[in-house]
């Protein structure tokens, strides 16, 4: 059995289309694309641990991880693939000088507000 440890559910806040053009030759939303990938992984017998943080990876392919659902997890793997995910870069990493002005949001924050929280930045609630 193959074990895959996921920590981030980035695609679920990306409800716009444009995903899957290369892999599926079809424009999908982030949710649709993620769902297809998860279904493919399950068909291959991959065991998915979502919202899981890897604490240790040892040379003998033993992994210690933790999640709210499973608690402490010990995995003895045949192979280990490290997929670090992604995150938005900070103002300093991009090279913008000064402090962050109030009311300026990153693209990820705006997507979360609109698509998950149902909040439209700039509108009074």
PDB file of N, CA and C in Angstrom:
ATOM      1  N   UNK A   1       0.840  -1.183   0.000  1.00  0.00           N
ATOM      2  CA  UNK A   1       0.000   0.000   0.000  1.00  0.00           C
ATOM      3  C   UNK A   1       0.884   1.244   0.000  1.00  0.00           C
ATOM      4  N   UNK A   2       0.477   2.236  -0.725  1.00  0.00           N
ATOM      5  CA  UNK A   2       1.193   3.506  -0.791  1.00  0.00           C
ATOM      6  C   UNK A   2       0.520   4.471   0.178  1.00  0.00           C
ATOM      7  N   UNK A   3       1.301   5.215   0.917  1.00  0.00           N
ATOM      8  CA  UNK A   3       0.758   6.192   1.854  1.00  0.00           C
ATOM      9  C   UNK A   3       1.095   7.591   1.348  1.00  0.00           C
ATOM     10  N   UNK A   4       0.119   8.450   1.295  1.00  0.00           N
ATOM     11  CA  UNK A   4       0.338   9.836   0.896  1.00  0.00           C
ATOM     12  C   UNK A   4      -0.149  10.742   2.014  1.00  0.00           C
ATOM     13  N   UNK A   5       0.695  11.631   2.482  1.00  0.00           N
ATOM     14  CA  UNK A   5       0.343  12.516   3.585  1.00  0.00           C
ATOM     15  C   UNK A   5       0.113  13.923   3.056  1.00  0.00           C
ATOM     16  N   UNK A   6      -1.098  14.440   3.193  1.00  0.00           N
ATOM     17  CA  UNK A   6      -1.458  15.766   2.718  1.00  0.00           C
ATOM     18  C   UNK A   6      -1.659  16.698   3.899  1.00  0.00           C
ATOM     19  N   UNK A   7      -1.186  17.919   3.793  1.00  0.00           N
ATOM     20  CA  UNK A   7      -1.409  18.894   4.856  1.00  0.00           C
ATOM     21  C   UNK A   7      -2.301  20.040   4.390  1.00  0.00           C
ATOM     22  N   UNK A   8      -2.308  20.342   3.117  1.00  0.00           N
ATOM     23  CA  UNK A   8      -2.988  21.545   2.633  1.00  0.00           C
ATOM     24  C   UNK A   8      -4.083  21.183   1.643  1.00  0.00           C
ATOM     25  N   UNK A   9      -5.204  21.864   1.738  1.00  0.00           N
ATOM     26  CA  UNK A   9      -6.304  21.662   0.796  1.00  0.00           C
ATOM     27  C   UNK A   9      -6.484  22.914  -0.049  1.00  0.00           C
ATOM     28  N   UNK A  10      -5.415  23.350  -0.661  1.00  0.00           N
ATOM     29  CA  UNK A  10      -5.402  24.606  -1.410  1.00  0.00           C
ATOM     30  C   UNK A  10      -6.452  24.653  -2.507  1.00  0.00           C
ATOM     31  N   UNK A  11      -6.623  23.571  -3.258  1.00  0.00           N
ATOM     32  CA  UNK A  11      -7.507  23.602  -4.420  1.00  0.00           C
ATOM     33  C   UNK A  11      -8.968  23.844  -4.057  1.00  0.00           C
ATOM     34  N   UNK A  12      -9.380  23.532  -2.842  1.00  0.00           N
ATOM     35  CA  UNK A  12     -10.790  23.666  -2.489  1.00  0.00           C
ATOM     36  C   UNK A  12     -11.254  25.110  -2.398  1.00  0.00           C
ATOM     37  N   UNK A  13     -10.345  26.055  -2.245  1.00  0.00           N
ATOM     38  CA  UNK A  13     -10.775  27.449  -2.251  1.00  0.00           C
ATOM     39  C   UNK A  13     -10.683  28.055  -3.648  1.00  0.00           C
ATOM     40  N   UNK A  14     -10.168  27.313  -4.600  1.00  0.00           N
ATOM     41  CA  UNK A  14     -10.017  27.791  -5.978  1.00  0.00           C
ATOM     42  C   UNK A  14     -11.192  27.301  -6.811  1.00  0.00           C
ATOM     43  N   UNK A  15     -12.312  28.025  -6.736  1.00  0.00           N
ATOM     44  CA  UNK A  15     -13.506  27.564  -7.446  1.00  0.00           C
ATOM     45  C   UNK A  15     -13.528  28.009  -8.902  1.00  0.00           C
ATOM     46  N   UNK A  16     -12.546  28.825  -9.305  1.00  0.00           N
ATOM     47  CA  UNK A  16     -12.481  29.219 -10.711  1.00  0.00           C
ATOM     48  C   UNK A  16     -11.977  28.040 -11.546  1.00  0.00           C
ATOM     49  N   UNK A  17     -12.245  28.088 -12.855  1.00  0.00           N
ATOM     50  CA  UNK A  17     -11.802  26.992 -13.711  1.00  0.00           C
ATOM     51  C   UNK A  17     -10.402  27.268 -14.249  1.00  0.00           C
ATOM     52  N   UNK A  18      -9.906  26.339 -15.033  1.00  0.00           N
ATOM     53  CA  UNK A  18      -8.570  26.470 -15.603  1.00  0.00           C
ATOM     54  C   UNK A  18      -7.635  25.370 -15.146  1.00  0.00           C
ATOM     55  N   UNK A  19      -8.067  24.570 -14.176  1.00  0.00           N
ATOM     56  CA  UNK A  19      -7.261  23.443 -13.713  1.00  0.00           C
ATOM     57  C   UNK A  19      -7.528  22.242 -14.619  1.00  0.00           C
ATOM     58  N   UNK A  20      -6.558  21.376 -14.767  1.00  0.00           N
ATOM     59  CA  UNK A  20      -6.758  20.126 -15.491  1.00  0.00           C
ATOM     60  C   UNK A  20      -6.561  20.185 -16.988  1.00  0.00           C
ATOM     61  N   UNK A  21      -6.187  21.338 -17.514  1.00  0.00           N
ATOM     62  CA  UNK A  21      -6.047  21.453 -18.967  1.00  0.00           C
ATOM     63  C   UNK A  21      -4.973  20.517 -19.514  1.00  0.00           C
ATOM     64  N   UNK A  22      -3.853  20.401 -18.835  1.00  0.00           N
ATOM     65  CA  UNK A  22      -2.784  19.534 -19.327  1.00  0.00           C
ATOM     66  C   UNK A  22      -3.057  18.067 -19.020  1.00  0.00           C
ATOM     67  N   UNK A  23      -3.477  17.771 -17.797  1.00  0.00           N
ATOM     68  CA  UNK A  23      -3.656  16.376 -17.386  1.00  0.00           C
ATOM     69  C   UNK A  23      -4.904  15.736 -17.989  1.00  0.00           C
ATOM     70  N   UNK A  24      -6.016  16.472 -18.005  1.00  0.00           N
ATOM     71  CA  UNK A  24      -7.291  15.906 -18.456  1.00  0.00           C
ATOM     72  C   UNK A  24      -7.793  16.494 -19.773  1.00  0.00           C
ATOM     73  N   UNK A  25      -7.061  17.454 -20.324  1.00  0.00           N
ATOM     74  CA  UNK A  25      -7.466  18.120 -21.573  1.00  0.00           C
ATOM     75  C   UNK A  25      -8.854  18.740 -21.438  1.00  0.00           C
ATOM     76  N   UNK A  26      -9.135  19.250 -20.230  1.00  0.00           N
ATOM     77  CA  UNK A  26     -10.442  19.815 -19.935  1.00  0.00           C
ATOM     78  C   UNK A  26     -10.291  20.847 -18.822  1.00  0.00           C
ATOM     79  N   UNK A  27     -11.036  21.930 -18.900  1.00  0.00           N
ATOM     80  CA  UNK A  27     -10.981  22.967 -17.874  1.00  0.00           C
ATOM     81  C   UNK A  27     -11.872  22.579 -16.698  1.00  0.00           C
ATOM     82  N   UNK A  28     -11.277  22.484 -15.515  1.00  0.00           N
ATOM     83  CA  UNK A  28     -11.994  22.091 -14.303  1.00  0.00           C
ATOM     84  C   UNK A  28     -11.794  23.143 -13.220  1.00  0.00           C
ATOM     85  N   UNK A  29     -12.724  23.208 -12.269  1.00  0.00           N
ATOM     86  CA  UNK A  29     -12.511  24.056 -11.097  1.00  0.00           C
ATOM     87  C   UNK A  29     -11.505  23.354 -10.189  1.00  0.00           C
ATOM     88  N   UNK A  30     -11.000  24.082  -9.210  1.00  0.00           N
ATOM     89  CA  UNK A  30     -10.073  23.485  -8.254  1.00  0.00           C
ATOM     90  C   UNK A  30     -10.691  22.293  -7.550  1.00  0.00           C
ATOM     91  N   UNK A  31     -11.978  22.414  -7.176  1.00  0.00           N
ATOM     92  CA  UNK A  31     -12.679  21.311  -6.508  1.00  0.00           C
ATOM     93  C   UNK A  31     -12.774  20.079  -7.405  1.00  0.00           C
ATOM     94  N   UNK A  32     -13.148  20.289  -8.663  1.00  0.00           N
ATOM     95  CA  UNK A  32     -13.278  19.168  -9.598  1.00  0.00           C
ATOM     96  C   UNK A  32     -11.925  18.496  -9.841  1.00  0.00           C
ATOM     97  N   UNK A  33     -10.894  19.308  -9.991  1.00  0.00           N
ATOM     98  CA  UNK A  33      -9.551  18.785 -10.227  1.00  0.00           C
ATOM     99  C   UNK A  33      -9.076  17.967  -9.024  1.00  0.00           C
ATOM    100  N   UNK A  34      -9.255  18.513  -7.821  1.00  0.00           N
ATOM    101  CA  UNK A  34      -8.849  17.807  -6.603  1.00  0.00           C
ATOM    102  C   UNK A  34      -9.610  16.495  -6.461  1.00  0.00           C
ATOM    103  N   UNK A  35     -10.900  16.525  -6.745  1.00  0.00           N
ATOM    104  CA  UNK A  35     -11.724  15.316  -6.635  1.00  0.00           C
ATOM    105  C   UNK A  35     -11.232  14.223  -7.582  1.00  0.00           C
ATOM    106  N   UNK A  36     -10.892  14.600  -8.799  1.00  0.00           N
ATOM    107  CA  UNK A  36     -10.366  13.615  -9.758  1.00  0.00           C
ATOM    108  C   UNK A  36      -9.045  13.023  -9.277  1.00  0.00           C
ATOM    109  N   UNK A  37      -8.168  13.884  -8.762  1.00  0.00           N
ATOM    110  CA  UNK A  37      -6.880  13.393  -8.267  1.00  0.00           C
ATOM    111  C   UNK A  37      -7.066  12.438  -7.088  1.00  0.00           C
ATOM    112  N   UNK A  38      -7.967  12.778  -6.183  1.00  0.00           N
ATOM    113  CA  UNK A  38      -8.233  11.920  -5.023  1.00  0.00           C
ATOM    114  C   UNK A  38      -8.804  10.581  -5.473  1.00  0.00           C
ATOM    115  N   UNK A  39      -9.745  10.601  -6.407  1.00  0.00           N
ATOM    116  CA  UNK A  39     -10.329   9.350  -6.906  1.00  0.00           C
ATOM    117  C   UNK A  39      -9.282   8.478  -7.592  1.00  0.00           C
ATOM    118  N   UNK A  40      -8.401   9.093  -8.379  1.00  0.00           N
ATOM    119  CA  UNK A  40      -7.326   8.336  -9.024  1.00  0.00           C
ATOM    120  C   UNK A  40      -6.405   7.706  -7.984  1.00  0.00           C
ATOM    121  N   UNK A  41      -6.068   8.472  -6.964  1.00  0.00           N
ATOM    122  CA  UNK A  41      -5.191   7.957  -5.909  1.00  0.00           C
ATOM    123  C   UNK A  41      -5.830   6.759  -5.219  1.00  0.00           C
ATOM    124  N   UNK A  42      -7.123   6.849  -4.923  1.00  0.00           N
ATOM    125  CA  UNK A  42      -7.824   5.742  -4.265  1.00  0.00           C
ATOM    126  C   UNK A  42      -7.874   4.505  -5.161  1.00  0.00           C
ATOM    127  N   UNK A  43      -8.064   4.714  -6.478  1.00  0.00           N
ATOM    128  CA  UNK A  43      -8.071   3.584  -7.413  1.00  0.00           C
ATOM    129  C   UNK A  43      -6.739   2.849  -7.410  1.00  0.00           C
ATOM    130  N   UNK A  44      -5.663   3.574  -7.176  1.00  0.00           N
ATOM    131  CA  UNK A  44      -4.328   2.974  -7.126  1.00  0.00           C
ATOM    132  C   UNK A  44      -4.011   2.390  -5.750  1.00  0.00           C
ATOM    133  N   UNK A  45      -4.941   2.501  -4.809  1.00  0.00           N
ATOM    134  CA  UNK A  45      -4.718   1.949  -3.475  1.00  0.00           C
ATOM    135  C   UNK A  45      -3.944   2.869  -2.549  1.00  0.00           C
ATOM    136  N   UNK A  46      -3.929   4.149  -2.864  1.00  0.00           N
ATOM    137  CA  UNK A  46      -3.221   5.116  -2.027  1.00  0.00           C
ATOM    138  C   UNK A  46      -4.069   5.433  -0.804  1.00  0.00           C
ATOM    139  N   UNK A  47      -3.453   5.417   0.343  1.00  0.00           N
ATOM    140  CA  UNK A  47      -4.122   5.788   1.584  1.00  0.00           C
ATOM    141  C   UNK A  47      -3.831   7.264   1.842  1.00  0.00           C
ATOM    142  N   UNK A  48      -4.863   8.089   1.890  1.00  0.00           N
ATOM    143  CA  UNK A  48      -4.692   9.534   2.034  1.00  0.00           C
ATOM    144  C   UNK A  48      -4.904   9.971   3.478  1.00  0.00           C
ATOM    145  N   UNK A  49      -3.985  10.751   3.990  1.00  0.00           N
ATOM    146  CA  UNK A  49      -4.126  11.376   5.302  1.00  0.00           C
ATOM    147  C   UNK A  49      -4.172  12.882   5.077  1.00  0.00           C
ATOM    148  N   UNK A  50      -5.359  13.474   5.173  1.00  0.00           N
ATOM    149  CA  UNK A  50      -5.498  14.912   4.981  1.00  0.00           C
ATOM    150  C   UNK A  50      -5.238  15.636   6.296  1.00  0.00           C
ATOM    151  N   UNK A  51      -4.818  16.884   6.201  1.00  0.00           N
ATOM    152  CA  UNK A  51      -4.532  17.705   7.385  1.00  0.00           C
ATOM    153  C   UNK A  51      -3.607  16.978   8.352  1.00  0.00           C
ATOM    154  N   UNK A  52      -2.562  16.404   7.810  1.00  0.00           N
ATOM    155  CA  UNK A  52      -1.600  15.627   8.580  1.00  0.00           C
ATOM    156  C   UNK A  52      -0.231  16.282   8.491  1.00  0.00           C
ATOM    157  N   UNK A  53       0.457  16.355   9.616  1.00  0.00           N
ATOM    158  CA  UNK A  53       1.791  16.942   9.627  1.00  0.00           C
ATOM    159  C   UNK A  53       2.822  15.857   9.919  1.00  0.00           C
ATOM    160  N   UNK A  54       3.814  15.760   9.042  1.00  0.00           N
ATOM    161  CA  UNK A  54       4.900  14.805   9.231  1.00  0.00           C
ATOM    162  C   UNK A  54       5.881  15.397  10.233  1.00  0.00           C
ATOM    163  N   UNK A  55       6.183  14.639  11.272  1.00  0.00           N
ATOM    164  CA  UNK A  55       7.110  15.093  12.299  1.00  0.00           C
ATOM    165  C   UNK A  55       8.529  14.604  12.038  1.00  0.00           C
ATOM    166  N   UNK A  56       8.643  13.357  11.562  1.00  0.00           N
ATOM    167  CA  UNK A  56       9.966  12.773  11.324  1.00  0.00           C
ATOM    168  C   UNK A  56       9.922  11.854  10.108  1.00  0.00           C
ATOM    169  N   UNK A  57      10.997  11.882   9.324  1.00  0.00           N
ATOM    170  CA  UNK A  57      11.206  10.926   8.238  1.00  0.00           C
ATOM    171  C   UNK A  57      12.596  10.348   8.451  1.00  0.00           C
ATOM    172  N   UNK A  58      12.669   9.029   8.603  1.00  0.00           N
ATOM    173  CA  UNK A  58      13.946   8.373   8.881  1.00  0.00           C
ATOM    174  C   UNK A  58      14.498   7.691   7.630  1.00  0.00           C
ATOM    175  N   UNK A  59      15.795   7.439   7.626  1.00  0.00           N
ATOM    176  CA  UNK A  59      16.449   6.815   6.472  1.00  0.00           C
ATOM    177  C   UNK A  59      15.870   5.446   6.142  1.00  0.00           C
ATOM    178  N   UNK A  60      15.345   4.741   7.140  1.00  0.00           N
ATOM    179  CA  UNK A  60      14.762   3.413   6.886  1.00  0.00           C
ATOM    180  C   UNK A  60      13.309   3.505   6.399  1.00  0.00           C
ATOM    181  N   UNK A  61      12.888   4.709   5.993  1.00  0.00           N
ATOM    182  CA  UNK A  61      11.555   4.984   5.440  1.00  0.00           C
ATOM    183  C   UNK A  61      10.441   4.834   6.473  1.00  0.00           C
ATOM    184  N   UNK A  62      10.779   5.043   7.718  1.00  0.00           N
ATOM    185  CA  UNK A  62       9.782   5.099   8.776  1.00  0.00           C
ATOM    186  C   UNK A  62       9.378   6.556   8.952  1.00  0.00           C
ATOM    187  N   UNK A  63       8.076   6.791   9.006  1.00  0.00           N
ATOM    188  CA  UNK A  63       7.547   8.151   9.111  1.00  0.00           C
ATOM    189  C   UNK A  63       6.695   8.248  10.369  1.00  0.00           C
ATOM    190  N   UNK A  64       6.889   9.327  11.101  1.00  0.00           N
ATOM    191  CA  UNK A  64       6.034   9.625  12.248  1.00  0.00           C
ATOM    192  C   UNK A  64       5.277  10.902  11.903  1.00  0.00           C
ATOM    193  N   UNK A  65       3.955  10.819  11.998  1.00  0.00           N
ATOM    194  CA  UNK A  65       3.103  11.953  11.644  1.00  0.00           C
ATOM    195  C   UNK A  65       2.012  12.102  12.697  1.00  0.00           C
ATOM    196  N   UNK A  66       1.292  13.213  12.625  1.00  0.00           N
ATOM    197  CA  UNK A  66       0.210  13.464  13.572  1.00  0.00           C
ATOM    198  C   UNK A  66      -0.933  14.180  12.856  1.00  0.00           C
ATOM    199  N   UNK A  67      -2.163  13.835  13.251  1.00  0.00           N
ATOM    200  CA  UNK A  67      -3.346  14.519  12.722  1.00  0.00           C
ATOM    201  C   UNK A  67      -4.418  14.544  13.802  1.00  0.00           C
ATOM    202  N   UNK A  68      -5.370  15.463  13.649  1.00  0.00           N
ATOM    203  CA  UNK A  68      -6.474  15.539  14.611  1.00  0.00           C
ATOM    204  C   UNK A  68      -7.321  14.274  14.563  1.00  0.00           C
ATOM    205  N   UNK A  69      -7.541  13.751  13.363  1.00  0.00           N
ATOM    206  CA  UNK A  69      -8.392  12.576  13.193  1.00  0.00           C
ATOM    207  C   UNK A  69      -7.746  11.289  13.690  1.00  0.00           C
ATOM    208  N   UNK A  70      -6.488  11.076  13.312  1.00  0.00           N
ATOM    209  CA  UNK A  70      -5.812   9.807  13.578  1.00  0.00           C
ATOM    210  C   UNK A  70      -4.932   9.828  14.824  1.00  0.00           C
ATOM    211  N   UNK A  71      -4.566  11.012  15.298  1.00  0.00           N
ATOM    212  CA  UNK A  71      -3.609  11.106  16.395  1.00  0.00           C
ATOM    213  C   UNK A  71      -2.204  10.866  15.869  1.00  0.00           C
ATOM    214  N   UNK A  72      -1.383  10.175  16.646  1.00  0.00           N
ATOM    215  CA  UNK A  72      -0.017   9.866  16.235  1.00  0.00           C
ATOM    216  C   UNK A  72      -0.032   8.702  15.249  1.00  0.00           C
ATOM    217  N   UNK A  73       0.675   8.856  14.136  1.00  0.00           N
ATOM    218  CA  UNK A  73       0.671   7.855  13.063  1.00  0.00           C
ATOM    219  C   UNK A  73       2.097   7.383  12.826  1.00  0.00           C
ATOM    220  N   UNK A  74       2.286   6.080  12.761  1.00  0.00           N
ATOM    221  CA  UNK A  74       3.575   5.490  12.404  1.00  0.00           C
ATOM    222  C   UNK A  74       3.401   4.775  11.073  1.00  0.00           C
ATOM    223  N   UNK A  75       4.213   5.144  10.091  1.00  0.00           N
ATOM    224  CA  UNK A  75       4.133   4.552   8.760  1.00  0.00           C
ATOM    225  C   UNK A  75       5.478   3.923   8.435  1.00  0.00           C
ATOM    226  N   UNK A  76       5.447   2.675   7.998  1.00  0.00           N
ATOM    227  CA  UNK A  76       6.651   2.020   7.492  1.00  0.00           C
ATOM    228  C   UNK A  76       6.440   1.901   5.987  1.00  0.00           C
ATOM    229  N   UNK A  77       7.159   2.714   5.232  1.00  0.00           N
ATOM    230  CA  UNK A  77       6.903   2.866   3.802  1.00  0.00           C
ATOM    231  C   UNK A  77       7.888   2.083   2.950  1.00  0.00           C
ATOM    232  N   UNK A  78       7.459   1.755   1.740  1.00  0.00           N
ATOM    233  CA  UNK A  78       8.359   1.178   0.745  1.00  0.00           C
ATOM    234  C   UNK A  78       9.105   2.290   0.021  1.00  0.00           C
ATOM    235  N   UNK A  79       8.440   3.425  -0.137  1.00  0.00           N
ATOM    236  CA  UNK A  79       9.043   4.590  -0.788  1.00  0.00           C
ATOM    237  C   UNK A  79       8.459   5.842  -0.154  1.00  0.00           C
ATOM    238  N   UNK A  80       9.237   6.908  -0.148  1.00  0.00           N
ATOM    239  CA  UNK A  80       8.785   8.179   0.413  1.00  0.00           C
ATOM    240  C   UNK A  80       8.964   9.263  -0.643  1.00  0.00           C
ATOM    241  N   UNK A  81       7.897   9.998  -0.899  1.00  0.00           N
ATOM    242  CA  UNK A  81       7.947  11.145  -1.806  1.00  0.00           C
ATOM    243  C   UNK A  81       7.579  12.367  -0.987  1.00  0.00           C
ATOM    244  N   UNK A  82       8.454  13.354  -0.968  1.00  0.00           N
ATOM    245  CA  UNK A  82       8.184  14.577  -0.226  1.00  0.00           C
ATOM    246  C   UNK A  82       7.552  15.597  -1.166  1.00  0.00           C
ATOM    247  N   UNK A  83       6.308  15.972  -0.890  1.00  0.00           N
ATOM    248  CA  UNK A  83       5.594  16.985  -1.675  1.00  0.00           C
ATOM    249  C   UNK A  83       5.291  18.133  -0.727  1.00  0.00           C
ATOM    250  N   UNK A  84       6.010  19.203  -0.872  1.00  0.00           N
ATOM    251  CA  UNK A  84       5.957  20.287   0.104  1.00  0.00           C
ATOM    252  C   UNK A  84       4.783  21.235  -0.066  1.00  0.00           C
ATOM    253  N   UNK A  85       4.084  21.176  -1.177  1.00  0.00           N
ATOM    254  CA  UNK A  85       2.962  22.085  -1.375  1.00  0.00           C
ATOM    255  C   UNK A  85       3.429  23.469  -1.775  1.00  0.00           C
ATOM    256  N   UNK A  86       2.592  24.449  -1.521  1.00  0.00           N
ATOM    257  CA  UNK A  86       2.946  25.809  -1.904  1.00  0.00           C
ATOM    258  C   UNK A  86       2.340  26.793  -0.922  1.00  0.00           C
ATOM    259  N   UNK A  87       2.828  28.003  -0.980  1.00  0.00           N
ATOM    260  CA  UNK A  87       2.280  29.088  -0.175  1.00  0.00           C
ATOM    261  C   UNK A  87       2.632  30.397  -0.857  1.00  0.00           C
ATOM    262  N   UNK A  88       1.885  31.426  -0.522  1.00  0.00           N
ATOM    263  CA  UNK A  88       2.189  32.727  -1.102  1.00  0.00           C
ATOM    264  C   UNK A  88       3.415  33.312  -0.429  1.00  0.00           C
ATOM    265  N   UNK A  89       4.177  34.041  -1.194  1.00  0.00           N
ATOM    266  CA  UNK A  89       5.377  34.657  -0.635  1.00  0.00           C
ATOM    267  C   UNK A  89       5.019  35.935   0.112  1.00  0.00           C
ATOM    268  N   UNK A  90       5.829  36.258   1.097  1.00  0.00           N
ATOM    269  CA  UNK A  90       5.586  37.457   1.894  1.00  0.00           C
ATOM    270  C   UNK A  90       6.025  38.702   1.137  1.00  0.00           C
ATOM    271  N   UNK A  91       5.638  39.843   1.661  1.00  0.00           N
ATOM    272  CA  UNK A  91       6.018  41.134   1.081  1.00  0.00           C
ATOM    273  C   UNK A  91       7.535  41.237   0.982  1.00  0.00           C
ATOM    274  N   UNK A  92       8.232  40.797   2.013  1.00  0.00           N
ATOM    275  CA  UNK A  92       9.698  40.877   2.018  1.00  0.00           C
ATOM    276  C   UNK A  92      10.311  39.956   0.959  1.00  0.00           C
ATOM    277  N   UNK A  93       9.739  38.768   0.779  1.00  0.00           N
ATOM    278  CA  UNK A  93      10.267  37.830  -0.211  1.00  0.00           C
ATOM    279  C   UNK A  93      10.097  38.342  -1.634  1.00  0.00           C
ATOM    280  N   UNK A  94       9.028  39.083  -1.864  1.00  0.00           N
ATOM    281  CA  UNK A  94       8.775  39.638  -3.187  1.00  0.00           C
ATOM    282  C   UNK A  94       9.612  40.894  -3.412  1.00  0.00           C
ATOM    283  N   UNK A  95      10.068  41.509  -2.329  1.00  0.00           N
ATOM    284  CA  UNK A  95      10.917  42.686  -2.440  1.00  0.00           C
ATOM    285  C   UNK A  95      10.170  44.005  -2.364  1.00  0.00           C
ATOM    286  N   UNK A  96       8.975  44.005  -1.751  1.00  0.00           N
ATOM    287  CA  UNK A  96       8.234  45.251  -1.574  1.00  0.00           C
ATOM    288  C   UNK A  96       8.703  45.921  -0.288  1.00  0.00           C
ATOM    289  N   UNK A  97       9.073  47.159  -0.394  1.00  0.00           N
ATOM    290  CA  UNK A  97       9.570  47.892   0.766  1.00  0.00           C
ATOM    291  C   UNK A  97       8.421  48.477   1.575  1.00  0.00           C
ATOM    292  N   UNK A  98       8.676  48.770   2.836  1.00  0.00           N
ATOM    293  CA  UNK A  98       7.683  49.407   3.693  1.00  0.00           C
ATOM    294  C   UNK A  98       6.784  48.396   4.371  1.00  0.00           C
ATOM    295  N   UNK A  99       5.749  48.909   5.015  1.00  0.00           N
ATOM    296  CA  UNK A  99       4.820  48.019   5.715  1.00  0.00           C
ATOM    297  C   UNK A  99       3.615  47.722   4.829  1.00  0.00           C
ATOM    298  N   UNK A 100       2.900  46.690   5.172  1.00  0.00           N
ATOM    299  CA  UNK A 100       1.736  46.284   4.390  1.00  0.00           C
ATOM    300  C   UNK A 100       0.582  47.239   4.672  1.00  0.00           C
ATOM    301  N   UNK A 101       0.062  47.897   3.650  1.00  0.00           N
ATOM    302  CA  UNK A 101      -1.045  48.830   3.866  1.00  0.00           C
ATOM    303  C   UNK A 101      -2.310  48.098   4.322  1.00  0.00           C
ATOM    304  N   UNK A 102      -3.067  48.725   5.193  1.00  0.00           N
ATOM    305  CA  UNK A 102      -4.324  48.143   5.657  1.00  0.00           C
ATOM    306  C   UNK A 102      -5.262  47.952   4.472  1.00  0.00           C
ATOM    307  N   UNK A 103      -5.947  46.828   4.440  1.00  0.00           N
ATOM    308  CA  UNK A 103      -6.916  46.575   3.376  1.00  0.00           C
ATOM    309  C   UNK A 103      -6.334  45.947   2.127  1.00  0.00           C
ATOM    310  N   UNK A 104      -5.039  45.664   2.105  1.00  0.00           N
ATOM    311  CA  UNK A 104      -4.422  45.008   0.955  1.00  0.00           C
ATOM    312  C   UNK A 104      -4.291  43.527   1.294  1.00  0.00           C
ATOM    313  N   UNK A 105      -4.940  42.684   0.499  1.00  0.00           N
ATOM    314  CA  UNK A 105      -4.972  41.253   0.766  1.00  0.00           C
ATOM    315  C   UNK A 105      -4.223  40.486  -0.316  1.00  0.00           C
ATOM    316  N   UNK A 106      -3.675  39.342   0.056  1.00  0.00           N
ATOM    317  CA  UNK A 106      -3.074  38.463  -0.948  1.00  0.00           C
ATOM    318  C   UNK A 106      -4.198  37.770  -1.719  1.00  0.00           C
ATOM    319  N   UNK A 107      -3.866  37.209  -2.872  1.00  0.00           N
ATOM    320  CA  UNK A 107      -4.866  36.513  -3.686  1.00  0.00           C
ATOM    321  C   UNK A 107      -5.479  35.348  -2.918  1.00  0.00           C
ATOM    322  N   UNK A 108      -4.661  34.625  -2.172  1.00  0.00           N
ATOM    323  CA  UNK A 108      -5.162  33.486  -1.405  1.00  0.00           C
ATOM    324  C   UNK A 108      -6.157  33.889  -0.332  1.00  0.00           C
ATOM    325  N   UNK A 109      -5.894  35.004   0.336  1.00  0.00           N
ATOM    326  CA  UNK A 109      -6.808  35.491   1.369  1.00  0.00           C
ATOM    327  C   UNK A 109      -8.142  35.889   0.741  1.00  0.00           C
ATOM    328  N   UNK A 110      -8.092  36.590  -0.379  1.00  0.00           N
ATOM    329  CA  UNK A 110      -9.325  37.013  -1.048  1.00  0.00           C
ATOM    330  C   UNK A 110     -10.128  35.795  -1.509  1.00  0.00           C
ATOM    331  N   UNK A 111      -9.461  34.793  -2.078  1.00  0.00           N
ATOM    332  CA  UNK A 111     -10.167  33.578  -2.498  1.00  0.00           C
ATOM    333  C   UNK A 111     -10.841  32.907  -1.310  1.00  0.00           C
ATOM    334  N   UNK A 112     -10.145  32.825  -0.194  1.00  0.00           N
ATOM    335  CA  UNK A 112     -10.736  32.204   0.994  1.00  0.00           C
ATOM    336  C   UNK A 112     -11.945  33.003   1.477  1.00  0.00           C
ATOM    337  N   UNK A 113     -11.806  34.323   1.566  1.00  0.00           N
ATOM    338  CA  UNK A 113     -12.921  35.160   2.018  1.00  0.00           C
ATOM    339  C   UNK A 113     -14.150  34.969   1.134  1.00  0.00           C
ATOM    340  N   UNK A 114     -13.965  35.031  -0.172  1.00  0.00           N
ATOM    341  CA  UNK A 114     -15.098  34.966  -1.095  1.00  0.00           C
ATOM    342  C   UNK A 114     -15.647  33.547  -1.214  1.00  0.00           C
ATOM    343  N   UNK A 115     -14.786  32.576  -1.479  1.00  0.00           N
ATOM    344  CA  UNK A 115     -15.230  31.227  -1.821  1.00  0.00           C
ATOM    345  C   UNK A 115     -15.565  30.347  -0.627  1.00  0.00           C
ATOM    346  N   UNK A 116     -14.968  30.595   0.508  1.00  0.00           N
ATOM    347  CA  UNK A 116     -15.212  29.739   1.674  1.00  0.00           C
ATOM    348  C   UNK A 116     -16.007  30.468   2.749  1.00  0.00           C
ATOM    349  N   UNK A 117     -15.606  31.706   3.065  1.00  0.00           N
ATOM    350  CA  UNK A 117     -16.258  32.456   4.135  1.00  0.00           C
ATOM    351  C   UNK A 117     -17.511  33.199   3.663  1.00  0.00           C
ATOM    352  N   UNK A 118     -17.658  33.387   2.344  1.00  0.00           N
ATOM    353  CA  UNK A 118     -18.809  34.113   1.823  1.00  0.00           C
ATOM    354  C   UNK A 118     -18.754  35.604   2.115  1.00  0.00           C
ATOM    355  N   UNK A 119     -17.562  36.126   2.279  1.00  0.00           N
ATOM    356  CA  UNK A 119     -17.349  37.531   2.619  1.00  0.00           C
ATOM    357  C   UNK A 119     -16.710  38.230   1.428  1.00  0.00           C
ATOM    358  N   UNK A 120     -17.267  39.348   1.005  1.00  0.00           N
ATOM    359  CA  UNK A 120     -16.720  40.098  -0.116  1.00  0.00           C
ATOM    360  C   UNK A 120     -15.926  41.284   0.422  1.00  0.00           C
ATOM    361  N   UNK A 121     -14.591  41.240   0.324  1.00  0.00           N
ATOM    362  CA  UNK A 121     -13.782  42.353   0.826  1.00  0.00           C
ATOM    363  C   UNK A 121     -14.205  43.678   0.191  1.00  0.00           C
ATOM    364  N   UNK A 122     -14.277  44.713   1.011  1.00  0.00           N
ATOM    365  CA  UNK A 122     -14.668  46.028   0.522  1.00  0.00           C
ATOM    366  C   UNK A 122     -16.144  46.330   0.694  1.00  0.00           C
ATOM    367  N   UNK A 123     -16.939  45.327   1.006  1.00  0.00           N
ATOM    368  CA  UNK A 123     -18.374  45.520   1.230  1.00  0.00           C
ATOM    369  C   UNK A 123     -18.660  45.491   2.725  1.00  0.00           C
ATOM    370  N   UNK A 124     -19.529  46.387   3.180  1.00  0.00           N
ATOM    371  CA  UNK A 124     -19.920  46.381   4.588  1.00  0.00           C
ATOM    372  C   UNK A 124     -20.835  45.192   4.848  1.00  0.00           C
ATOM    373  N   UNK A 125     -20.653  44.584   5.979  1.00  0.00           N
ATOM    374  CA  UNK A 125     -21.464  43.407   6.343  1.00  0.00           C
ATOM    375  C   UNK A 125     -22.650  43.804   7.178  1.00  0.00           C
TER     376      UNK A 125
END
